[in-house]
C-alpha atoms as a PDB file:
ATOM      1  CA  MET A   1      -2.511  40.131 -33.049  1.00  0.00           C
ATOM      2  CA  CYS A   2      -1.388  40.453 -29.443  1.00  0.00           C
ATOM      3  CA  ILE A   3      -4.080  39.794 -26.862  1.00  0.00           C
ATOM      4  CA  ARG A   4      -3.738  41.649 -23.585  1.00  0.00           C
ATOM      5  CA  PRO A   5      -3.929  39.402 -20.405  1.00  0.00           C
ATOM      6  CA  PHE A   6      -7.444  40.493 -19.492  1.00  0.00           C
ATOM      7  CA  GLU A   7      -8.735  39.850 -22.990  1.00  0.00           C
ATOM      8  CA  ARG A   8      -7.057  36.438 -23.033  1.00  0.00           C
ATOM      9  CA  SER A   9      -8.719  35.613 -19.720  1.00  0.00           C
ATOM     10  CA  ARG A  10     -12.102  36.810 -21.017  1.00  0.00           C
ATOM     11  CA  LYS A  11     -11.757  34.727 -24.175  1.00  0.00           C
ATOM     12  CA  LEU A  12     -10.996  31.678 -22.035  1.00  0.00           C
ATOM     13  CA  THR A  13     -14.028  32.399 -19.841  1.00  0.00           C
ATOM     14  CA  ASP A  14     -16.199  32.776 -22.946  1.00  0.00           C
ATOM     15  CA  TYR A  15     -14.859  29.471 -24.283  1.00  0.00           C
ATOM     16  CA  ARG A  16     -15.691  27.686 -21.036  1.00  0.00           C
ATOM     17  CA  LEU A  17     -19.207  29.122 -21.083  1.00  0.00           C
ATOM     18  CA  LYS A  18     -19.715  27.710 -24.562  1.00  0.00           C
ATOM     19  CA  THR A  19     -18.501  24.255 -23.520  1.00  0.00           C
ATOM     20  CA  PRO A  20     -21.452  21.953 -22.878  1.00  0.00           C
ATOM     21  CA  ARG A  21     -21.862  21.044 -19.222  1.00  0.00           C
ATOM     22  CA  LEU A  22     -23.656  17.863 -18.267  1.00  0.00           C
ATOM     23  CA  ARG A  23     -26.389  18.348 -15.721  1.00  0.00           C
ATOM     24  CA  SER A  24     -25.745  16.394 -12.513  1.00  0.00           C
ATOM     25  CA  ARG A  25     -28.460  14.197 -11.015  1.00  0.00           C
ATOM     26  CA  ARG A  26     -26.424  13.146  -8.006  1.00  0.00           C
ATOM     27  CA  HIS A  27     -27.108  13.887  -4.370  1.00  0.00           C
ATOM     28  CA  LYS A  28     -25.315  16.868  -2.881  1.00  0.00           C
ATOM     29  CA  PHE A  29     -23.852  14.661  -0.162  1.00  0.00           C
ATOM     30  CA  MET A  30     -22.989  11.002  -0.235  1.00  0.00           C
ATOM     31  CA  THR A  31     -23.011   9.897   3.394  1.00  0.00           C
ATOM     32  CA  THR A  32     -20.816   7.120   4.710  1.00  0.00           C
ATOM     33  CA  GLN A  33     -24.016   5.124   5.265  1.00  0.00           C
ATOM     34  CA  GLU A  34     -24.814   5.406   1.545  1.00  0.00           C
ATOM     35  CA  LEU A  35     -21.259   4.372   0.737  1.00  0.00           C
ATOM     36  CA  VAL A  36     -21.555   1.329   3.015  1.00  0.00           C
ATOM     37  CA  HIS A  37     -24.822   0.427   1.300  1.00  0.00           C
ATOM     38  CA  GLN A  38     -23.159   0.495  -2.105  1.00  0.00           C
ATOM     39  CA  ILE A  39     -20.287  -1.623  -0.781  1.00  0.00           C
ATOM     40  CA  HIS A  40     -22.674  -4.393   0.313  1.00  0.00           C
ATOM     41  CA  LYS A  41     -24.836  -4.039  -2.767  1.00  0.00           C
ATOM     42  CA  LYS A  42     -21.845  -4.550  -5.093  1.00  0.00           C
ATOM     43  CA  ASN A  43     -19.810  -6.800  -2.762  1.00  0.00           C
ATOM     44  CA  SER A  44     -16.947  -4.465  -3.402  1.00  0.00           C
ATOM     45  CA  PHE A  45     -14.975  -1.726  -1.708  1.00  0.00           C
ATOM     46  CA  LEU A  46     -12.838  -1.172  -4.778  1.00  0.00           C
ATOM     47  CA  CYS A  47     -11.709   2.273  -5.819  1.00  0.00           C
ATOM     48  CA  ILE A  48     -10.285   2.588  -9.331  1.00  0.00           C
ATOM     49  CA  GLY A  49      -7.643   5.220  -9.858  1.00  0.00           C
ATOM     50  CA  LEU A  50      -7.958   7.130 -13.141  1.00  0.00           C
ATOM     51  CA  ASP A  51      -4.256   7.980 -13.548  1.00  0.00           C
ATOM     52  CA  THR A  52      -4.635   8.571 -17.267  1.00  0.00           C
ATOM     53  CA  ASP A  53      -1.356   9.001 -19.158  1.00  0.00           C
ATOM     54  CA  LEU A  54      -1.329   9.713 -22.894  1.00  0.00           C
ATOM     55  CA  GLU A  55       1.927   7.775 -23.112  1.00  0.00           C
ATOM     56  CA  LYS A  56       0.312   4.616 -21.757  1.00  0.00           C
ATOM     57  CA  ILE A  57      -3.235   4.530 -23.108  1.00  0.00           C
ATOM     58  CA  PRO A  58      -3.907   2.428 -26.264  1.00  0.00           C
ATOM     59  CA  SER A  59      -2.552   4.174 -29.357  1.00  0.00           C
ATOM     60  CA  HIS A  60      -5.826   4.009 -31.291  1.00  0.00           C
ATOM     61  CA  LEU A  61      -7.403   6.414 -28.774  1.00  0.00           C
ATOM     62  CA  LEU A  62      -4.933   9.149 -29.716  1.00  0.00           C
ATOM     63  CA  LYS A  63      -7.033   9.692 -32.818  1.00  0.00           C
ATOM     64  CA  GLU A  64     -10.006  10.763 -30.677  1.00  0.00           C
ATOM     65  CA  GLU A  65     -10.824  14.462 -30.203  1.00  0.00           C
ATOM     66  CA  ASP A  66     -10.351  13.973 -26.441  1.00  0.00           C
ATOM     67  CA  PRO A  67      -8.325  10.798 -25.837  1.00  0.00           C
ATOM     68  CA  ILE A  68      -8.159  11.191 -22.089  1.00  0.00           C
ATOM     69  CA  TYR A  69     -11.925  11.381 -21.732  1.00  0.00           C
ATOM     70  CA  ALA A  70     -12.420   8.613 -24.299  1.00  0.00           C
ATOM     71  CA  PHE A  71     -10.151   6.341 -22.252  1.00  0.00           C
ATOM     72  CA  ASN A  72     -11.805   7.232 -18.946  1.00  0.00           C
ATOM     73  CA  LYS A  73     -15.297   6.772 -20.299  1.00  0.00           C
ATOM     74  CA  ALA A  74     -14.425   3.341 -21.661  1.00  0.00           C
ATOM     75  CA  ILE A  75     -12.945   2.312 -18.323  1.00  0.00           C
ATOM     76  CA  ILE A  76     -15.943   3.580 -16.412  1.00  0.00           C
ATOM     77  CA  ASP A  77     -18.423   1.890 -18.741  1.00  0.00           C
ATOM     78  CA  ALA A  78     -16.622  -1.449 -18.301  1.00  0.00           C
ATOM     79  CA  THR A  79     -16.017  -1.361 -14.565  1.00  0.00           C
ATOM     80  CA  HIS A  80     -18.621   0.817 -12.766  1.00  0.00           C
ATOM     81  CA  HIS A  81     -20.565  -2.302 -11.562  1.00  0.00           C
ATOM     82  CA  LEU A  82     -17.424  -3.676  -9.921  1.00  0.00           C
ATOM     83  CA  CYS A  83     -16.328  -0.653  -7.895  1.00  0.00           C
ATOM     84  CA  VAL A  84     -17.795   1.905  -5.520  1.00  0.00           C
ATOM     85  CA  ALA A  85     -15.370   4.781  -6.185  1.00  0.00           C
ATOM     86  CA  TYR A  86     -13.189   6.405  -8.805  1.00  0.00           C
ATOM     87  CA  LYS A  87     -10.133   8.516  -8.004  1.00  0.00           C
ATOM     88  CA  PRO A  88      -8.688  10.695 -10.749  1.00  0.00           C
ATOM     89  CA  ASN A  89      -5.138  11.736  -9.884  1.00  0.00           C
ATOM     90  CA  ILE A  90      -5.287  15.415 -10.680  1.00  0.00           C
ATOM     91  CA  ALA A  91      -1.644  15.697 -11.721  1.00  0.00           C
ATOM     92  CA  PHE A  92      -2.318  13.529 -14.784  1.00  0.00           C
ATOM     93  CA  TYR A  93      -4.852  16.111 -15.987  1.00  0.00           C
ATOM     94  CA  GLU A  94      -3.025  19.285 -14.979  1.00  0.00           C
ATOM     95  CA  ALA A  95      -0.034  18.038 -16.973  1.00  0.00           C
ATOM     96  CA  TYR A  96      -1.989  18.583 -20.199  1.00  0.00           C
ATOM     97  CA  GLY A  97      -3.105  22.121 -19.444  1.00  0.00           C
ATOM     98  CA  ILE A  98      -6.598  23.327 -20.286  1.00  0.00           C
ATOM     99  CA  LYS A  99      -7.282  20.224 -22.402  1.00  0.00           C
ATOM    100  CA  GLY A 100      -6.472  17.976 -19.484  1.00  0.00           C
ATOM    101  CA  TRP A 101      -8.627  19.986 -17.124  1.00  0.00           C
ATOM    102  CA  MET A 102     -11.525  19.875 -19.552  1.00  0.00           C
ATOM    103  CA  ALA A 103     -11.127  16.090 -19.813  1.00  0.00           C
ATOM    104  CA  LEU A 104     -11.261  15.894 -16.025  1.00  0.00           C
ATOM    105  CA  GLU A 105     -14.396  18.046 -15.985  1.00  0.00           C
ATOM    106  CA  LYS A 106     -16.092  15.875 -18.575  1.00  0.00           C
ATOM    107  CA  THR A 107     -15.086  12.710 -16.687  1.00  0.00           C
ATOM    108  CA  ILE A 108     -16.569  13.800 -13.395  1.00  0.00           C
ATOM    109  CA  LYS A 109     -19.731  15.131 -15.021  1.00  0.00           C
ATOM    110  CA  TYR A 110     -20.151  11.807 -16.842  1.00  0.00           C
ATOM    111  CA  LEU A 111     -19.845   9.956 -13.548  1.00  0.00           C
ATOM    112  CA  ASN A 112     -22.192  12.264 -11.603  1.00  0.00           C
ATOM    113  CA  THR A 113     -24.813  12.129 -14.364  1.00  0.00           C
ATOM    114  CA  ASN A 114     -24.729   8.449 -15.232  1.00  0.00           C
ATOM    115  CA  HIS A 115     -23.498   6.848 -12.011  1.00  0.00           C
ATOM    116  CA  PRO A 116     -24.490   9.104  -9.099  1.00  0.00           C
ATOM    117  CA  GLU A 117     -24.076   6.204  -6.669  1.00  0.00           C
ATOM    118  CA  ILE A 118     -20.332   6.212  -7.279  1.00  0.00           C
ATOM    119  CA  PHE A 119     -18.125   7.961  -4.664  1.00  0.00           C
ATOM    120  CA  THR A 120     -15.707  10.366  -6.362  1.00  0.00           C
ATOM    121  CA  ILE A 121     -12.295  11.307  -5.048  1.00  0.00           C
ATOM    122  CA  ALA A 122     -10.165  14.186  -6.311  1.00  0.00           C
ATOM    123  CA  ASP A 123      -6.653  12.934  -5.625  1.00  0.00           C
ATOM    124  CA  ALA A 124      -5.191  16.407  -5.486  1.00  0.00           C
ATOM    125  CA  LYS A 125      -3.181  16.323  -2.213  1.00  0.00           C
ATOM    126  CA  ARG A 126      -3.777  20.038  -1.652  1.00  0.00           C
ATOM    127  CA  GLY A 127      -3.078  21.982   1.546  1.00  0.00           C
ATOM    128  CA  ASP A 128      -2.252  25.646   2.095  1.00  0.00           C
ATOM    129  CA  ILE A 129      -3.218  28.623   4.282  1.00  0.00           C
ATOM    130  CA  GLY A 130      -6.897  29.203   4.963  1.00  0.00           C
ATOM    131  CA  ASN A 131      -8.026  31.421   2.114  1.00  0.00           C
ATOM    132  CA  THR A 132      -6.055  29.367  -0.435  1.00  0.00           C
ATOM    133  CA  SER A 133      -7.438  26.090   0.865  1.00  0.00           C
ATOM    134  CA  THR A 134     -10.957  27.531   0.629  1.00  0.00           C
ATOM    135  CA  ARG A 135     -10.359  28.257  -3.081  1.00  0.00           C
ATOM    136  CA  TYR A 136      -9.063  24.728  -3.633  1.00  0.00           C
ATOM    137  CA  ALA A 137     -12.162  23.383  -1.914  1.00  0.00           C
ATOM    138  CA  LYS A 138     -14.483  25.482  -4.008  1.00  0.00           C
ATOM    139  CA  ALA A 139     -12.743  24.328  -7.188  1.00  0.00           C
ATOM    140  CA  PHE A 140     -13.144  20.644  -6.471  1.00  0.00           C
ATOM    141  CA  PHE A 141     -16.368  20.581  -4.399  1.00  0.00           C
ATOM    142  CA  GLU A 142     -18.444  23.267  -6.074  1.00  0.00           C
ATOM    143  CA  ASP A 143     -17.170  23.602  -9.629  1.00  0.00           C
ATOM    144  CA  LEU A 144     -16.203  19.998 -10.366  1.00  0.00           C
ATOM    145  CA  GLU A 145     -18.620  18.490  -7.814  1.00  0.00           C
ATOM    146  CA  PHE A 146     -16.341  15.825  -6.364  1.00  0.00           C
ATOM    147  CA  ASP A 147     -17.479  14.070  -3.230  1.00  0.00           C
ATOM    148  CA  SER A 148     -14.081  14.226  -1.579  1.00  0.00           C
ATOM    149  CA  ILE A 149     -10.485  15.392  -1.917  1.00  0.00           C
ATOM    150  CA  THR A 150      -7.121  14.198  -0.627  1.00  0.00           C
ATOM    151  CA  ILE A 151      -5.310  16.700   1.581  1.00  0.00           C
ATOM    152  CA  ALA A 152      -1.756  17.035   2.826  1.00  0.00           C
ATOM    153  CA  PRO A 153      -1.859  17.941   6.572  1.00  0.00           C
ATOM    154  CA  TYR A 154       1.671  19.296   6.989  1.00  0.00           C
ATOM    155  CA  MET A 155       0.524  22.923   7.428  1.00  0.00           C
ATOM    156  CA  GLY A 156      -1.897  21.949  10.203  1.00  0.00           C
ATOM    157  CA  LYS A 157      -5.369  22.841  11.292  1.00  0.00           C
ATOM    158  CA  ASP A 158      -5.946  26.056   9.423  1.00  0.00           C
ATOM    159  CA  SER A 159      -5.014  24.362   6.146  1.00  0.00           C
ATOM    160  CA  VAL A 160      -7.436  21.436   6.683  1.00  0.00           C
ATOM    161  CA  GLU A 161     -10.516  23.030   8.290  1.00  0.00           C
ATOM    162  CA  PRO A 162     -11.383  25.115   5.164  1.00  0.00           C
ATOM    163  CA  PHE A 163     -12.094  21.809   3.407  1.00  0.00           C
ATOM    164  CA  LEU A 164     -14.049  20.487   6.391  1.00  0.00           C
ATOM    165  CA  ALA A 165     -16.150  23.671   6.303  1.00  0.00           C
ATOM    166  CA  PHE A 166     -17.895  22.093   3.316  1.00  0.00           C
ATOM    167  CA  THR A 167     -19.952  19.842   5.582  1.00  0.00           C
ATOM    168  CA  ASN A 168     -21.629  18.008   2.704  1.00  0.00           C
ATOM    169  CA  LYS A 169     -18.214  16.734   1.443  1.00  0.00           C
ATOM    170  CA  HIS A 170     -15.455  14.443   2.695  1.00  0.00           C
ATOM    171  CA  THR A 171     -11.791  15.376   3.366  1.00  0.00           C
ATOM    172  CA  ILE A 172      -9.257  12.574   3.049  1.00  0.00           C
ATOM    173  CA  LEU A 173      -6.128  13.285   5.065  1.00  0.00           C
ATOM    174  CA  LEU A 174      -2.723  11.803   4.184  1.00  0.00           C
ATOM    175  CA  ALA A 175      -1.682   9.799   7.243  1.00  0.00           C
ATOM    176  CA  LEU A 176       0.660   6.933   6.343  1.00  0.00           C
ATOM    177  CA  THR A 177       1.396   6.628   2.647  1.00  0.00           C
ATOM    178  CA  SER A 178       2.606   3.668   0.603  1.00  0.00           C
ATOM    179  CA  ASN A 179       5.702   5.231  -0.981  1.00  0.00           C
ATOM    180  CA  THR A 180       9.198   4.402   0.313  1.00  0.00           C
ATOM    181  CA  GLY A 181       9.854   8.037   1.212  1.00  0.00           C
ATOM    182  CA  ALA A 182       7.015   7.920   3.749  1.00  0.00           C
ATOM    183  CA  LEU A 183       9.589   6.734   6.304  1.00  0.00           C
ATOM    184  CA  ASP A 184      11.534   9.989   5.939  1.00  0.00           C
ATOM    185  CA  TYR A 185       9.002  11.781   8.168  1.00  0.00           C
ATOM    186  CA  GLN A 186       5.769   9.921   8.869  1.00  0.00           C
ATOM    187  CA  THR A 187       7.190   7.299  11.255  1.00  0.00           C
ATOM    188  CA  LYS A 188       9.677   9.599  13.047  1.00  0.00           C
ATOM    189  CA  MET A 189       9.203   9.935  16.791  1.00  0.00           C
ATOM    190  CA  VAL A 190       8.154  13.370  17.971  1.00  0.00           C
ATOM    191  CA  ASP A 191       7.792  13.817  21.723  1.00  0.00           C
ATOM    192  CA  GLY A 192       7.487  10.057  22.180  1.00  0.00           C
ATOM    193  CA  ILE A 193       4.897   9.452  19.426  1.00  0.00           C
ATOM    194  CA  GLU A 194       5.230   8.667  15.757  1.00  0.00           C
ATOM    195  CA  LEU A 195       4.344  11.627  13.604  1.00  0.00           C
ATOM    196  CA  TYR A 196       1.581   9.894  11.651  1.00  0.00           C
ATOM    197  CA  LYS A 197      -0.127   8.953  14.940  1.00  0.00           C
ATOM    198  CA  GLU A 198       0.022  12.615  16.033  1.00  0.00           C
ATOM    199  CA  VAL A 199      -1.591  13.590  12.738  1.00  0.00           C
ATOM    200  CA  LEU A 200      -4.433  11.106  13.391  1.00  0.00           C
ATOM    201  CA  LYS A 201      -4.939  12.191  16.999  1.00  0.00           C
ATOM    202  CA  THR A 202      -4.788  15.930  16.342  1.00  0.00           C
ATOM    203  CA  SER A 203      -7.066  15.779  13.327  1.00  0.00           C
ATOM    204  CA  LYS A 204      -9.822  14.336  15.495  1.00  0.00           C
ATOM    205  CA  THR A 205     -10.042  17.705  17.249  1.00  0.00           C
ATOM    206  CA  TYR A 206     -10.744  19.637  14.012  1.00  0.00           C
ATOM    207  CA  GLU A 207     -14.179  21.161  13.449  1.00  0.00           C
ATOM    208  CA  ASN A 208     -16.389  18.773  11.460  1.00  0.00           C
ATOM    209  CA  ALA A 209     -13.832  16.013  11.931  1.00  0.00           C
ATOM    210  CA  GLU A 210     -16.633  13.477  11.432  1.00  0.00           C
ATOM    211  CA  ASN A 211     -16.190  14.097   7.691  1.00  0.00           C
ATOM    212  CA  LEU A 212     -12.569  13.040   7.713  1.00  0.00           C
ATOM    213  CA  MET A 213     -11.212   9.934   6.006  1.00  0.00           C
ATOM    214  CA  TYR A 214      -7.540   8.931   5.920  1.00  0.00           C
ATOM    215  CA  VAL A 215      -4.998   7.635   3.453  1.00  0.00           C
ATOM    216  CA  VAL A 216      -3.123   4.566   4.711  1.00  0.00           C
ATOM    217  CA  GLY A 217      -1.004   2.633   2.232  1.00  0.00           C
ATOM    218  CA  ALA A 218      -1.530  -1.089   1.698  1.00  0.00           C
ATOM    219  CA  THR A 219       2.227  -1.619   1.956  1.00  0.00           C
ATOM    220  CA  LYS A 220       1.960  -0.447   5.559  1.00  0.00           C
ATOM    221  CA  ALA A 221      -0.725  -2.990   6.596  1.00  0.00           C
ATOM    222  CA  GLU A 222       1.182  -3.972   9.767  1.00  0.00           C
ATOM    223  CA  TYR A 223       0.486  -0.485  11.107  1.00  0.00           C
ATOM    224  CA  LEU A 224      -3.282  -0.813  10.807  1.00  0.00           C
ATOM    225  CA  THR A 225      -3.909  -2.357  14.217  1.00  0.00           C
ATOM    226  CA  GLU A 226      -2.492   0.723  15.987  1.00  0.00           C
ATOM    227  CA  ILE A 227      -4.191   3.057  13.539  1.00  0.00           C
ATOM    228  CA  ARG A 228      -7.550   1.500  14.301  1.00  0.00           C
ATOM    229  CA  GLN A 229      -6.948   2.123  18.007  1.00  0.00           C
ATOM    230  CA  ILE A 230      -6.840   5.857  17.278  1.00  0.00           C
ATOM    231  CA  ILE A 231      -9.522   6.074  14.555  1.00  0.00           C
ATOM    232  CA  PRO A 232     -11.647   2.921  15.028  1.00  0.00           C
ATOM    233  CA  ASN A 233     -14.546   3.919  12.764  1.00  0.00           C
ATOM    234  CA  SER A 234     -13.138   6.230  10.082  1.00  0.00           C
ATOM    235  CA  PHE A 235     -12.968   5.200   6.500  1.00  0.00           C
ATOM    236  CA  LEU A 236      -9.492   4.566   5.131  1.00  0.00           C
ATOM    237  CA  LEU A 237      -8.457   5.076   1.519  1.00  0.00           C
ATOM    238  CA  VAL A 238      -5.871   2.365   0.929  1.00  0.00           C
ATOM    239  CA  PRO A 239      -3.631   2.638  -2.149  1.00  0.00           C
ATOM    240  CA  GLY A 240      -0.864   0.208  -2.963  1.00  0.00           C
ATOM    241  CA  VAL A 241      -2.794  -2.974  -3.761  1.00  0.00           C
ATOM    242  CA  GLY A 242      -1.741  -4.395  -7.086  1.00  0.00           C
ATOM    243  CA  ALA A 243       1.179  -2.748  -8.818  1.00  0.00           C
ATOM    244  CA  GLN A 244       2.766  -1.632  -5.531  1.00  0.00           C
ATOM    245  CA  GLY A 245       2.511  -5.097  -4.013  1.00  0.00           C
ATOM    246  CA  GLY A 246       0.160  -4.517  -1.053  1.00  0.00           C
ATOM    247  CA  SER A 247      -1.897  -7.427   0.241  1.00  0.00           C
ATOM    248  CA  LEU A 248      -5.699  -7.069   0.230  1.00  0.00           C
ATOM    249  CA  GLN A 249      -6.067  -9.858   2.787  1.00  0.00           C
ATOM    250  CA  GLU A 250      -3.633  -8.201   5.196  1.00  0.00           C
ATOM    251  CA  VAL A 251      -5.366  -4.860   4.831  1.00  0.00           C
ATOM    252  CA  CYS A 252      -8.731  -6.457   5.588  1.00  0.00           C
ATOM    253  CA  LYS A 253      -7.396  -8.520   8.514  1.00  0.00           C
ATOM    254  CA  TYR A 254      -6.109  -5.462  10.364  1.00  0.00           C
ATOM    255  CA  GLY A 255      -8.108  -2.566   8.956  1.00  0.00           C
ATOM    256  CA  MET A 256     -11.673  -3.678   8.277  1.00  0.00           C
ATOM    257  CA  THR A 257     -14.407  -2.611  10.675  1.00  0.00           C
ATOM    258  CA  LYS A 258     -18.004  -3.813  11.158  1.00  0.00           C
ATOM    259  CA  ASN A 259     -19.006  -1.088   8.662  1.00  0.00           C
ATOM    260  CA  VAL A 260     -16.161  -2.099   6.353  1.00  0.00           C
ATOM    261  CA  GLY A 261     -14.302   1.197   6.717  1.00  0.00           C
ATOM    262  CA  LEU A 262     -12.078   0.608   3.698  1.00  0.00           C
ATOM    263  CA  LEU A 263     -11.784   1.881   0.156  1.00  0.00           C
ATOM    264  CA  VAL A 264      -8.954  -0.071  -1.490  1.00  0.00           C
ATOM    265  CA  ASN A 265      -7.551   1.554  -4.566  1.00  0.00           C
ATOM    266  CA  SER A 266      -5.968   0.017  -7.630  1.00  0.00           C
ATOM    267  CA  SER A 267      -4.928   2.148 -10.578  1.00  0.00           C
ATOM    268  CA  ARG A 268      -2.250   0.904 -13.011  1.00  0.00           C
ATOM    269  CA  GLY A 269      -2.984  -2.743 -12.353  1.00  0.00           C
ATOM    270  CA  ILE A 270      -6.501  -2.236 -13.721  1.00  0.00           C
ATOM    271  CA  ILE A 271      -6.574   0.587 -16.232  1.00  0.00           C
ATOM    272  CA  TYR A 272      -3.368  -0.486 -18.037  1.00  0.00           C
ATOM    273  CA  ALA A 273      -4.148  -4.196 -18.070  1.00  0.00           C
ATOM    274  CA  SER A 274      -3.984  -4.074 -21.900  1.00  0.00           C
ATOM    275  CA  SER A 275      -2.835  -1.644 -24.562  1.00  0.00           C
ATOM    276  CA  THR A 276      -4.963  -3.184 -27.304  1.00  0.00           C
ATOM    277  CA  GLU A 277      -8.444  -2.229 -28.490  1.00  0.00           C
ATOM    278  CA  ASP A 278     -10.001  -4.527 -25.882  1.00  0.00           C
ATOM    279  CA  PHE A 279      -8.300  -2.582 -23.061  1.00  0.00           C
ATOM    280  CA  ALA A 280     -11.610  -1.820 -21.263  1.00  0.00           C
ATOM    281  CA  LYS A 281     -12.651  -5.440 -21.296  1.00  0.00           C
ATOM    282  CA  GLU A 282      -9.254  -6.504 -19.847  1.00  0.00           C
ATOM    283  CA  ALA A 283      -9.519  -3.770 -17.210  1.00  0.00           C
ATOM    284  CA  ALA A 284     -12.901  -5.179 -16.181  1.00  0.00           C
ATOM    285  CA  LYS A 285     -11.328  -8.632 -15.774  1.00  0.00           C
ATOM    286  CA  LYS A 286      -8.657  -7.244 -13.458  1.00  0.00           C
ATOM    287  CA  ALA A 287     -11.267  -5.297 -11.473  1.00  0.00           C
ATOM    288  CA  GLU A 288     -13.423  -8.392 -11.184  1.00  0.00           C
ATOM    289  CA  ASP A 289     -10.470 -10.402  -9.888  1.00  0.00           C
ATOM    290  CA  ILE A 290     -10.177  -7.926  -7.003  1.00  0.00           C
ATOM    291  CA  GLN A 291     -13.927  -7.682  -6.493  1.00  0.00           C
ATOM    292  CA  VAL A 292     -14.179 -11.483  -6.090  1.00  0.00           C
ATOM    293  CA  GLN A 293     -11.523 -11.358  -3.367  1.00  0.00           C
ATOM    294  CA  MET A 294     -13.366  -8.468  -1.664  1.00  0.00           C
ATOM    295  CA  LYS A 295     -16.603 -10.472  -1.681  1.00  0.00           C
ATOM    296  CA  VAL A 296     -14.833 -13.209   0.277  1.00  0.00           C
ATOM    297  CA  GLU A 297     -13.542 -10.662   2.800  1.00  0.00           C
ATOM    298  CA  LEU A 298     -17.001  -9.065   3.189  1.00  0.00           C
ATOM    299  CA  LYS A 299     -18.593 -12.417   3.963  1.00  0.00           C
ATOM    300  CA  LYS A 300     -16.319 -12.652   7.011  1.00  0.00           C
ATOM    301  CA  LEU A 301     -18.228  -9.745   8.509  1.00  0.00           C
ATOM    302  CA  ASN A 302     -21.445 -11.804   8.735  1.00  0.00           C
END
């Protein structure tokens, strides 16, 4: 039987309504002060990236009804005491269609219900004209209840401020990324200033800019001194430690502030530490290795 588009949409809506939704106990807004408190409580500023790939997770999980969620839950259960944030990379869920999106929804609901102290980041790298950005923001902030989202600033102010309009959430702007192609544009001189510096300076003029954080790659640690001259107190999300070869010690030396100001992310180096049935235990060992190093760096603040 052929289903007309509207009927197909209605059936999908009905299906979503029948899907159990975990009730969230978390605060509506996790302030930076609360985040700093968690960092000192756990002696960690580790963010674990949930870049869940069915081709890489342990094969025994493929027998599960929802292998993506089963993998994520196991990683969270084993590592939540060692980190202060989780960062699902949205592309790894979108790639599997509605099943992937449902796994993402279950993952964030599980976090918000069982570990409301954890800071959640939707690594979506969105950015579009105003009304479209508003819809992106509603999807991740209101429906999925993430604390923050990564945003591409290329389209400028009117593509970023719709996210900042959600004043009880955080917007994480791509500034200087860890990939090799970052040098194609981000460090180019424009009117006597490197483009990434112009992004930092201009973004400070946006409405509700106090809720901005920034992505700065660990492989670009030598740039952090100048970055801190422009944004001395903002939190930085720092990918690239671990599999990409970034140095935690270098990042802390040049980027840490009196309020820490860093969320250092590791994804593959932790979650794919093992492909056997003890994968979660091995992931915890890798996370703990980083957490121990972070504890040393945090002691330097005292």
